[in-house]
Amino acid sequence: MRRNIYLSIITIATVSLFSCKTETKNEQMETKEITFTKEGELSLYNLKDSIPDTITKLDIEIADDEYQIQTGLMYRQSMQDDHGMLFIFSDEAPRSFYMKNTEFALDIIFIDAKNKVVSIQKNAQPLNESSLPSEGPAKYVLEVNAGLSERWNLKAGDSISFVKL
């Protein structure tokens, strides 16, 4: 009988030891920093005397599937001024973006199927969930650091070209 009691106690102690997770208040989940991956190159142009004039060139990441489009630049700390993210949609339609989980300010540039800038949402604020709509149908959306569209004097009617690598 004692033998059964000892075996029961040992079994319970063993099960308890291996089935319980100990937690500490300072335990932190390890996170991996999301880094820029160059997937293409994009040029911005304005027209001067009917001749395209290059405004700037950017290395871009491309978001062209549902997960990438929904995630965008979320959870990143910053982006270099010569980088951007180009969202490519399968159709041209009015678009609306927001800054949920985006930790730095952006300019959001809406571009139509003919590669013309439709409108720009300037200085979109970090972590703000307000809707930031386009002023017309867009097939592409380019996100760059806040203030760059102003520095480049980018406006509706300017154009882009890009290549995927």
N, C-alpha and C. Protein backbone atom coordinates (compact mmCIF):
# COMPACT_ATOMS: atom_id res chain seq x y z
N MET A 1 0.81 -1.18 0.00
CA MET A 1 0.00 0.00 0.00
C MET A 1 0.87 1.27 0.00
N ARG A 2 1.90 1.27 0.87
CA ARG A 2 2.81 2.41 0.90
C ARG A 2 3.51 2.58 -0.44
N ARG A 3 3.82 1.46 -1.03
CA ARG A 3 4.51 1.49 -2.32
C ARG A 3 3.63 2.20 -3.36
N ASN A 4 2.33 1.94 -3.36
CA ASN A 4 1.41 2.59 -4.28
C ASN A 4 1.32 4.09 -4.01
N ILE A 5 1.33 4.47 -2.75
CA ILE A 5 1.27 5.89 -2.39
C ILE A 5 2.54 6.60 -2.87
N TYR A 6 3.72 5.97 -2.64
CA TYR A 6 4.98 6.56 -3.10
C TYR A 6 5.00 6.70 -4.62
N LEU A 7 4.55 5.65 -5.31
CA LEU A 7 4.51 5.71 -6.78
C LEU A 7 3.56 6.81 -7.25
N SER A 8 2.44 6.98 -6.60
CA SER A 8 1.48 8.03 -6.96
C SER A 8 2.08 9.41 -6.75
N ILE A 9 2.77 9.60 -5.64
CA ILE A 9 3.39 10.89 -5.34
C ILE A 9 4.49 11.20 -6.36
N ILE A 10 5.30 10.22 -6.68
CA ILE A 10 6.38 10.41 -7.66
C ILE A 10 5.79 10.71 -9.03
N THR A 11 4.74 10.03 -9.42
CA THR A 11 4.09 10.25 -10.71
C THR A 11 3.51 11.66 -10.78
N ILE A 12 2.81 12.09 -9.74
CA ILE A 12 2.21 13.43 -9.71
C ILE A 12 3.31 14.50 -9.76
N ALA A 13 4.37 14.29 -8.99
CA ALA A 13 5.47 15.26 -8.98
C ALA A 13 6.13 15.36 -10.35
N THR A 14 6.34 14.22 -11.00
CA THR A 14 6.98 14.20 -12.32
C THR A 14 6.10 14.90 -13.34
N VAL A 15 4.81 14.58 -13.35
CA VAL A 15 3.88 15.21 -14.29
C VAL A 15 3.83 16.71 -14.06
N SER A 16 3.77 17.12 -12.81
CA SER A 16 3.73 18.55 -12.48
C SER A 16 4.99 19.25 -12.92
N LEU A 17 6.11 18.64 -12.73
CA LEU A 17 7.40 19.23 -13.09
C LEU A 17 7.50 19.50 -14.59
N PHE A 18 7.08 18.54 -15.40
CA PHE A 18 7.24 18.66 -16.84
C PHE A 18 6.07 19.31 -17.55
N SER A 19 4.94 19.50 -16.88
CA SER A 19 3.78 20.07 -17.57
C SER A 19 3.57 21.54 -17.25
N CYS A 20 4.24 22.06 -16.27
CA CYS A 20 4.04 23.45 -15.88
C CYS A 20 5.07 24.33 -16.55
N LYS A 21 4.61 25.48 -17.04
CA LYS A 21 5.52 26.45 -17.63
C LYS A 21 5.78 27.52 -16.59
N THR A 22 7.01 27.82 -16.37
CA THR A 22 7.31 28.89 -15.42
C THR A 22 7.45 30.18 -16.22
N GLU A 23 6.89 31.25 -15.71
CA GLU A 23 6.95 32.54 -16.37
C GLU A 23 7.60 33.53 -15.44
N THR A 24 8.34 34.42 -16.03
CA THR A 24 8.91 35.50 -15.25
C THR A 24 8.37 36.81 -15.79
N LYS A 25 8.31 37.81 -14.95
CA LYS A 25 7.79 39.11 -15.38
C LYS A 25 8.64 39.74 -16.47
N ASN A 26 9.91 39.45 -16.47
CA ASN A 26 10.81 40.07 -17.43
C ASN A 26 10.99 39.25 -18.70
N GLU A 27 10.26 38.16 -18.84
CA GLU A 27 10.38 37.33 -20.02
C GLU A 27 9.87 38.11 -21.24
N GLN A 28 10.68 38.18 -22.29
CA GLN A 28 10.29 38.91 -23.49
C GLN A 28 10.34 37.99 -24.69
N MET A 29 9.40 38.21 -25.58
CA MET A 29 9.37 37.45 -26.82
C MET A 29 10.45 38.00 -27.75
N GLU A 30 11.21 37.12 -28.33
CA GLU A 30 12.25 37.55 -29.25
C GLU A 30 11.59 37.95 -30.57
N THR A 31 11.90 39.16 -31.04
CA THR A 31 11.35 39.63 -32.31
C THR A 31 12.48 39.85 -33.30
N LYS A 32 12.15 39.66 -34.54
CA LYS A 32 13.12 39.83 -35.60
C LYS A 32 12.81 41.13 -36.33
N GLU A 33 13.82 41.98 -36.50
CA GLU A 33 13.64 43.24 -37.19
C GLU A 33 13.36 42.98 -38.67
N ILE A 34 12.37 43.70 -39.21
CA ILE A 34 12.05 43.58 -40.63
C ILE A 34 12.97 44.53 -41.37
N THR A 35 13.71 44.02 -42.32
CA THR A 35 14.65 44.84 -43.06
C THR A 35 14.21 45.02 -44.51
N PHE A 36 14.71 46.06 -45.13
CA PHE A 36 14.39 46.38 -46.52
C PHE A 36 14.97 45.32 -47.45
N THR A 37 14.17 44.90 -48.41
CA THR A 37 14.62 43.97 -49.45
C THR A 37 14.34 44.62 -50.80
N LYS A 38 15.37 44.96 -51.53
CA LYS A 38 15.18 45.60 -52.83
C LYS A 38 14.57 44.60 -53.81
N GLU A 39 13.38 44.96 -54.33
CA GLU A 39 12.68 44.10 -55.28
C GLU A 39 12.42 44.80 -56.61
N GLY A 40 12.82 46.06 -56.70
CA GLY A 40 12.63 46.81 -57.93
C GLY A 40 13.22 48.19 -57.84
N GLU A 41 13.08 48.92 -58.93
CA GLU A 41 13.54 50.30 -59.01
C GLU A 41 12.42 51.13 -59.60
N LEU A 42 12.24 52.34 -59.08
CA LEU A 42 11.16 53.22 -59.51
C LEU A 42 11.72 54.61 -59.77
N SER A 43 11.25 55.23 -60.84
CA SER A 43 11.61 56.62 -61.15
C SER A 43 10.35 57.46 -61.15
N LEU A 44 10.48 58.69 -60.64
CA LEU A 44 9.40 59.67 -60.66
C LEU A 44 9.76 60.76 -61.66
N TYR A 45 8.76 61.21 -62.44
CA TYR A 45 8.98 62.20 -63.49
C TYR A 45 7.95 63.31 -63.41
N ASN A 46 8.37 64.52 -63.81
CA ASN A 46 7.41 65.57 -64.12
C ASN A 46 7.63 65.95 -65.57
N LEU A 47 6.64 66.61 -66.16
CA LEU A 47 6.77 67.00 -67.56
C LEU A 47 7.19 68.46 -67.65
N LYS A 48 8.27 68.71 -68.37
CA LYS A 48 8.70 70.08 -68.64
C LYS A 48 8.77 70.21 -70.16
N ASP A 49 7.94 71.09 -70.70
CA ASP A 49 7.89 71.30 -72.15
C ASP A 49 7.67 69.98 -72.87
N SER A 50 6.76 69.16 -72.36
CA SER A 50 6.38 67.86 -72.94
C SER A 50 7.51 66.83 -72.92
N ILE A 51 8.56 67.11 -72.17
CA ILE A 51 9.68 66.17 -72.04
C ILE A 51 9.74 65.70 -70.59
N PRO A 52 9.73 64.36 -70.38
CA PRO A 52 9.81 63.87 -68.99
C PRO A 52 11.13 64.27 -68.34
N ASP A 53 11.05 64.83 -67.15
CA ASP A 53 12.22 65.23 -66.39
C ASP A 53 12.25 64.39 -65.12
N THR A 54 13.36 63.68 -64.89
CA THR A 54 13.44 62.81 -63.72
C THR A 54 13.49 63.63 -62.44
N ILE A 55 12.56 63.30 -61.53
CA ILE A 55 12.53 63.94 -60.22
C ILE A 55 13.49 63.21 -59.28
N THR A 56 13.34 61.89 -59.21
CA THR A 56 14.19 61.07 -58.35
C THR A 56 14.06 59.61 -58.74
N LYS A 57 14.98 58.80 -58.23
CA LYS A 57 14.93 57.35 -58.41
C LYS A 57 14.96 56.71 -57.03
N LEU A 58 14.21 55.62 -56.88
CA LEU A 58 14.10 54.91 -55.60
C LEU A 58 14.32 53.42 -55.78
N ASP A 59 14.89 52.80 -54.77
CA ASP A 59 14.86 51.34 -54.66
C ASP A 59 13.55 51.02 -53.95
N ILE A 60 12.84 50.01 -54.44
CA ILE A 60 11.52 49.72 -53.86
C ILE A 60 11.37 48.27 -53.44
N GLU A 61 10.54 48.10 -52.43
CA GLU A 61 9.97 46.80 -52.10
C GLU A 61 8.61 46.78 -52.78
N ILE A 62 8.14 45.61 -53.13
CA ILE A 62 6.87 45.49 -53.83
C ILE A 62 5.90 44.67 -52.99
N ALA A 63 4.71 45.23 -52.81
CA ALA A 63 3.62 44.53 -52.12
C ALA A 63 2.56 44.23 -53.16
N ASP A 64 2.45 42.94 -53.53
CA ASP A 64 1.51 42.61 -54.60
C ASP A 64 0.64 41.39 -54.30
N ASP A 65 0.66 40.93 -53.04
CA ASP A 65 -0.30 39.89 -52.65
C ASP A 65 -1.05 40.39 -51.41
N GLU A 66 -2.12 39.71 -51.06
CA GLU A 66 -3.00 40.18 -49.98
C GLU A 66 -2.25 40.41 -48.67
N TYR A 67 -1.40 39.48 -48.27
CA TYR A 67 -0.67 39.63 -47.00
C TYR A 67 0.26 40.84 -47.05
N GLN A 68 1.04 40.97 -48.12
CA GLN A 68 1.98 42.09 -48.23
C GLN A 68 1.25 43.43 -48.28
N ILE A 69 0.11 43.47 -48.99
CA ILE A 69 -0.66 44.71 -49.09
C ILE A 69 -1.23 45.08 -47.73
N GLN A 70 -1.72 44.11 -46.98
CA GLN A 70 -2.28 44.40 -45.66
C GLN A 70 -1.21 44.79 -44.65
N THR A 71 -0.01 44.25 -44.78
CA THR A 71 1.06 44.51 -43.81
C THR A 71 1.86 45.76 -44.15
N GLY A 72 2.19 45.95 -45.42
CA GLY A 72 2.92 47.15 -45.84
C GLY A 72 4.17 47.40 -45.02
N LEU A 73 4.30 48.60 -44.49
CA LEU A 73 5.47 49.00 -43.71
C LEU A 73 5.24 48.91 -42.21
N MET A 74 4.22 48.16 -41.82
CA MET A 74 3.95 48.00 -40.38
C MET A 74 5.14 47.38 -39.67
N TYR A 75 5.28 47.72 -38.42
CA TYR A 75 6.26 47.13 -37.50
C TYR A 75 7.71 47.48 -37.84
N ARG A 76 7.93 48.46 -38.68
CA ARG A 76 9.29 48.90 -38.99
C ARG A 76 9.55 50.21 -38.26
N GLN A 77 10.81 50.44 -37.97
CA GLN A 77 11.19 51.64 -37.22
C GLN A 77 11.42 52.84 -38.13
N SER A 78 11.88 52.59 -39.36
CA SER A 78 12.22 53.69 -40.26
C SER A 78 12.44 53.15 -41.67
N MET A 79 12.72 54.09 -42.57
CA MET A 79 13.03 53.72 -43.95
C MET A 79 13.97 54.79 -44.50
N GLN A 80 14.91 54.41 -45.31
CA GLN A 80 15.83 55.38 -45.90
C GLN A 80 15.10 56.23 -46.94
N ASP A 81 15.58 57.45 -47.15
CA ASP A 81 14.93 58.37 -48.09
C ASP A 81 14.99 57.90 -49.54
N ASP A 82 15.92 57.03 -49.88
CA ASP A 82 16.00 56.55 -51.26
C ASP A 82 15.29 55.20 -51.43
N HIS A 83 14.44 54.85 -50.46
CA HIS A 83 13.65 53.62 -50.50
C HIS A 83 12.17 53.96 -50.50
N GLY A 84 11.37 53.01 -50.96
CA GLY A 84 9.92 53.16 -50.91
C GLY A 84 9.27 51.80 -51.00
N MET A 85 7.97 51.77 -50.77
CA MET A 85 7.21 50.54 -50.97
C MET A 85 6.12 50.82 -52.00
N LEU A 86 6.09 49.99 -53.05
CA LEU A 86 5.09 50.11 -54.10
C LEU A 86 4.07 49.00 -53.95
N PHE A 87 2.81 49.41 -53.78
CA PHE A 87 1.70 48.47 -53.70
C PHE A 87 1.12 48.34 -55.10
N ILE A 88 0.97 47.11 -55.56
CA ILE A 88 0.44 46.86 -56.90
C ILE A 88 -0.88 46.09 -56.74
N PHE A 89 -1.95 46.69 -57.24
CA PHE A 89 -3.27 46.08 -57.17
C PHE A 89 -3.64 45.50 -58.53
N SER A 90 -4.54 44.53 -58.53
CA SER A 90 -4.94 43.89 -59.79
C SER A 90 -5.89 44.76 -60.60
N ASP A 91 -6.52 45.74 -59.96
CA ASP A 91 -7.45 46.60 -60.66
C ASP A 91 -7.25 48.05 -60.25
N GLU A 92 -7.84 48.94 -61.01
CA GLU A 92 -7.80 50.36 -60.70
C GLU A 92 -9.11 50.72 -59.99
N ALA A 93 -9.03 51.28 -58.80
CA ALA A 93 -10.20 51.61 -58.01
C ALA A 93 -9.83 52.67 -56.98
N PRO A 94 -10.83 53.35 -56.41
CA PRO A 94 -10.51 54.26 -55.31
C PRO A 94 -9.84 53.47 -54.18
N ARG A 95 -8.80 54.01 -53.61
CA ARG A 95 -8.04 53.34 -52.55
C ARG A 95 -8.09 54.16 -51.27
N SER A 96 -7.90 53.47 -50.16
CA SER A 96 -7.81 54.14 -48.87
C SER A 96 -6.81 53.37 -48.01
N PHE A 97 -5.88 54.08 -47.44
CA PHE A 97 -4.86 53.49 -46.57
C PHE A 97 -5.00 54.06 -45.17
N TYR A 98 -4.35 53.44 -44.21
CA TYR A 98 -4.27 53.95 -42.85
C TYR A 98 -2.92 53.55 -42.28
N MET A 99 -2.59 54.09 -41.11
CA MET A 99 -1.25 53.96 -40.55
C MET A 99 -1.17 53.03 -39.34
N LYS A 100 -2.12 52.12 -39.21
CA LYS A 100 -2.12 51.19 -38.08
C LYS A 100 -0.78 50.44 -38.02
N ASN A 101 -0.17 50.43 -36.86
CA ASN A 101 1.10 49.73 -36.61
C ASN A 101 2.25 50.21 -37.49
N THR A 102 2.12 51.38 -38.09
CA THR A 102 3.22 51.98 -38.85
C THR A 102 3.85 53.03 -37.95
N GLU A 103 5.13 52.89 -37.68
CA GLU A 103 5.78 53.64 -36.61
C GLU A 103 6.50 54.91 -37.05
N PHE A 104 6.40 55.27 -38.33
CA PHE A 104 7.00 56.52 -38.78
C PHE A 104 6.11 57.16 -39.83
N ALA A 105 6.18 58.48 -39.96
CA ALA A 105 5.31 59.23 -40.85
C ALA A 105 5.65 58.96 -42.32
N LEU A 106 4.61 58.97 -43.15
CA LEU A 106 4.77 58.67 -44.58
C LEU A 106 4.02 59.67 -45.45
N ASP A 107 4.46 59.78 -46.70
CA ASP A 107 3.67 60.37 -47.77
C ASP A 107 3.13 59.18 -48.56
N ILE A 108 1.84 59.20 -48.85
CA ILE A 108 1.19 58.10 -49.56
C ILE A 108 0.75 58.65 -50.92
N ILE A 109 1.34 58.10 -51.98
CA ILE A 109 1.16 58.61 -53.33
C ILE A 109 0.30 57.62 -54.12
N PHE A 110 -0.87 58.07 -54.57
CA PHE A 110 -1.80 57.23 -55.32
C PHE A 110 -1.57 57.45 -56.81
N ILE A 111 -1.49 56.35 -57.57
CA ILE A 111 -1.09 56.39 -58.98
C ILE A 111 -2.06 55.56 -59.80
N ASP A 112 -2.49 56.07 -60.95
CA ASP A 112 -3.48 55.36 -61.76
C ASP A 112 -2.83 54.31 -62.68
N ALA A 113 -3.64 53.63 -63.46
CA ALA A 113 -3.17 52.55 -64.33
C ALA A 113 -2.26 53.07 -65.45
N LYS A 114 -2.31 54.37 -65.74
CA LYS A 114 -1.45 54.96 -66.76
C LYS A 114 -0.17 55.53 -66.15
N ASN A 115 0.10 55.16 -64.88
CA ASN A 115 1.30 55.58 -64.15
C ASN A 115 1.35 57.07 -63.83
N LYS A 116 0.19 57.71 -63.75
CA LYS A 116 0.10 59.13 -63.40
C LYS A 116 -0.31 59.28 -61.94
N VAL A 117 0.32 60.22 -61.25
CA VAL A 117 -0.03 60.50 -59.86
C VAL A 117 -1.45 61.09 -59.83
N VAL A 118 -2.33 60.45 -59.04
CA VAL A 118 -3.71 60.89 -58.88
C VAL A 118 -3.81 61.89 -57.74
N SER A 119 -3.23 61.53 -56.60
CA SER A 119 -3.26 62.40 -55.42
C SER A 119 -2.21 61.93 -54.42
N ILE A 120 -1.97 62.78 -53.42
CA ILE A 120 -0.95 62.48 -52.40
C ILE A 120 -1.54 62.78 -51.03
N GLN A 121 -1.41 61.85 -50.11
CA GLN A 121 -1.71 62.09 -48.70
C GLN A 121 -0.36 62.38 -48.03
N LYS A 122 -0.14 63.64 -47.70
CA LYS A 122 1.15 64.05 -47.15
C LYS A 122 1.18 63.92 -45.64
N ASN A 123 2.34 63.52 -45.13
CA ASN A 123 2.62 63.47 -43.70
C ASN A 123 1.60 62.65 -42.91
N ALA A 124 1.30 61.45 -43.41
CA ALA A 124 0.42 60.53 -42.68
C ALA A 124 1.10 60.16 -41.37
N GLN A 125 0.39 60.35 -40.27
CA GLN A 125 0.97 60.23 -38.94
C GLN A 125 1.05 58.79 -38.44
N PRO A 126 2.13 58.44 -37.74
CA PRO A 126 2.33 57.09 -37.23
C PRO A 126 1.16 56.64 -36.35
N LEU A 127 0.80 55.37 -36.49
CA LEU A 127 -0.17 54.68 -35.65
C LEU A 127 -1.59 55.25 -35.73
N ASN A 128 -1.85 56.13 -36.68
CA ASN A 128 -3.17 56.73 -36.83
C ASN A 128 -4.03 55.83 -37.72
N GLU A 129 -5.21 55.49 -37.25
CA GLU A 129 -6.08 54.59 -37.99
C GLU A 129 -7.13 55.31 -38.83
N SER A 130 -6.98 56.63 -38.99
CA SER A 130 -7.91 57.39 -39.83
C SER A 130 -7.73 56.99 -41.29
N SER A 131 -8.82 57.00 -42.03
CA SER A 131 -8.80 56.65 -43.44
C SER A 131 -8.12 57.76 -44.24
N LEU A 132 -7.22 57.36 -45.13
CA LEU A 132 -6.49 58.29 -46.00
C LEU A 132 -6.78 57.90 -47.45
N PRO A 133 -7.86 58.47 -48.04
CA PRO A 133 -8.31 58.03 -49.36
C PRO A 133 -7.60 58.72 -50.52
N SER A 134 -7.65 58.06 -51.67
CA SER A 134 -7.19 58.67 -52.91
C SER A 134 -8.28 59.61 -53.42
N GLU A 135 -7.91 60.52 -54.29
CA GLU A 135 -8.88 61.44 -54.87
C GLU A 135 -9.39 60.93 -56.22
N GLY A 136 -9.06 59.70 -56.55
CA GLY A 136 -9.51 59.09 -57.79
C GLY A 136 -9.05 57.65 -57.81
N PRO A 137 -9.44 56.90 -58.84
CA PRO A 137 -9.03 55.50 -58.93
C PRO A 137 -7.50 55.36 -59.03
N ALA A 138 -6.98 54.36 -58.35
CA ALA A 138 -5.53 54.10 -58.35
C ALA A 138 -5.27 52.61 -58.51
N LYS A 139 -4.26 52.28 -59.26
CA LYS A 139 -3.81 50.89 -59.41
C LYS A 139 -2.56 50.65 -58.56
N TYR A 140 -1.80 51.72 -58.32
CA TYR A 140 -0.55 51.64 -57.55
C TYR A 140 -0.60 52.64 -56.41
N VAL A 141 0.11 52.30 -55.34
CA VAL A 141 0.29 53.24 -54.24
C VAL A 141 1.76 53.16 -53.83
N LEU A 142 2.39 54.31 -53.75
CA LEU A 142 3.80 54.39 -53.36
C LEU A 142 3.88 55.07 -52.00
N GLU A 143 4.55 54.39 -51.05
CA GLU A 143 4.78 54.98 -49.73
C GLU A 143 6.25 55.36 -49.62
N VAL A 144 6.48 56.62 -49.22
CA VAL A 144 7.83 57.14 -49.00
C VAL A 144 7.83 57.91 -47.68
N ASN A 145 8.99 58.25 -47.20
CA ASN A 145 9.09 59.02 -45.96
C ASN A 145 8.35 60.35 -46.09
N ALA A 146 7.71 60.75 -44.99
CA ALA A 146 6.97 62.02 -44.96
C ALA A 146 7.90 63.17 -45.31
N GLY A 147 7.37 64.10 -46.11
CA GLY A 147 8.12 65.29 -46.50
C GLY A 147 8.81 65.17 -47.84
N LEU A 148 9.01 63.94 -48.32
CA LEU A 148 9.73 63.79 -49.59
C LEU A 148 8.92 64.31 -50.77
N SER A 149 7.63 64.06 -50.80
CA SER A 149 6.83 64.54 -51.94
C SER A 149 6.87 66.07 -52.01
N GLU A 150 6.92 66.73 -50.86
CA GLU A 150 7.04 68.19 -50.82
C GLU A 150 8.42 68.61 -51.31
N ARG A 151 9.46 67.93 -50.84
CA ARG A 151 10.83 68.25 -51.25
C ARG A 151 11.00 68.07 -52.77
N TRP A 152 10.36 67.04 -53.32
CA TRP A 152 10.46 66.77 -54.76
C TRP A 152 9.51 67.64 -55.58
N ASN A 153 8.63 68.39 -54.90
CA ASN A 153 7.59 69.16 -55.58
C ASN A 153 6.71 68.25 -56.45
N LEU A 154 6.44 67.07 -55.93
CA LEU A 154 5.61 66.08 -56.64
C LEU A 154 4.16 66.53 -56.60
N LYS A 155 3.44 66.35 -57.71
CA LYS A 155 2.05 66.78 -57.78
C LYS A 155 1.24 65.85 -58.67
N ALA A 156 -0.08 65.97 -58.59
CA ALA A 156 -0.97 65.20 -59.46
C ALA A 156 -0.60 65.48 -60.91
N GLY A 157 -0.56 64.42 -61.70
CA GLY A 157 -0.19 64.55 -63.11
C GLY A 157 1.25 64.12 -63.37
N ASP A 158 2.11 64.15 -62.35
CA ASP A 158 3.47 63.61 -62.52
C ASP A 158 3.36 62.12 -62.73
N SER A 159 4.44 61.47 -63.13
CA SER A 159 4.33 60.05 -63.49
C SER A 159 5.46 59.22 -62.88
N ILE A 160 5.29 57.91 -63.01
CA ILE A 160 6.30 56.96 -62.53
C ILE A 160 6.59 55.95 -63.63
N SER A 161 7.70 55.28 -63.47
CA SER A 161 7.99 54.04 -64.19
C SER A 161 8.73 53.16 -63.19
N PHE A 162 8.57 51.85 -63.32
CA PHE A 162 9.26 50.95 -62.40
C PHE A 162 9.57 49.64 -63.09
N VAL A 163 10.56 48.95 -62.55
CA VAL A 163 10.91 47.62 -63.00
C VAL A 163 11.04 46.72 -61.78
N LYS A 164 10.54 45.48 -61.92
CA LYS A 164 10.74 44.48 -60.88
C LYS A 164 12.06 43.80 -61.17
N LEU A 165 12.80 43.46 -60.13
CA LEU A 165 14.07 42.76 -60.31
C LEU A 165 13.86 41.26 -60.28
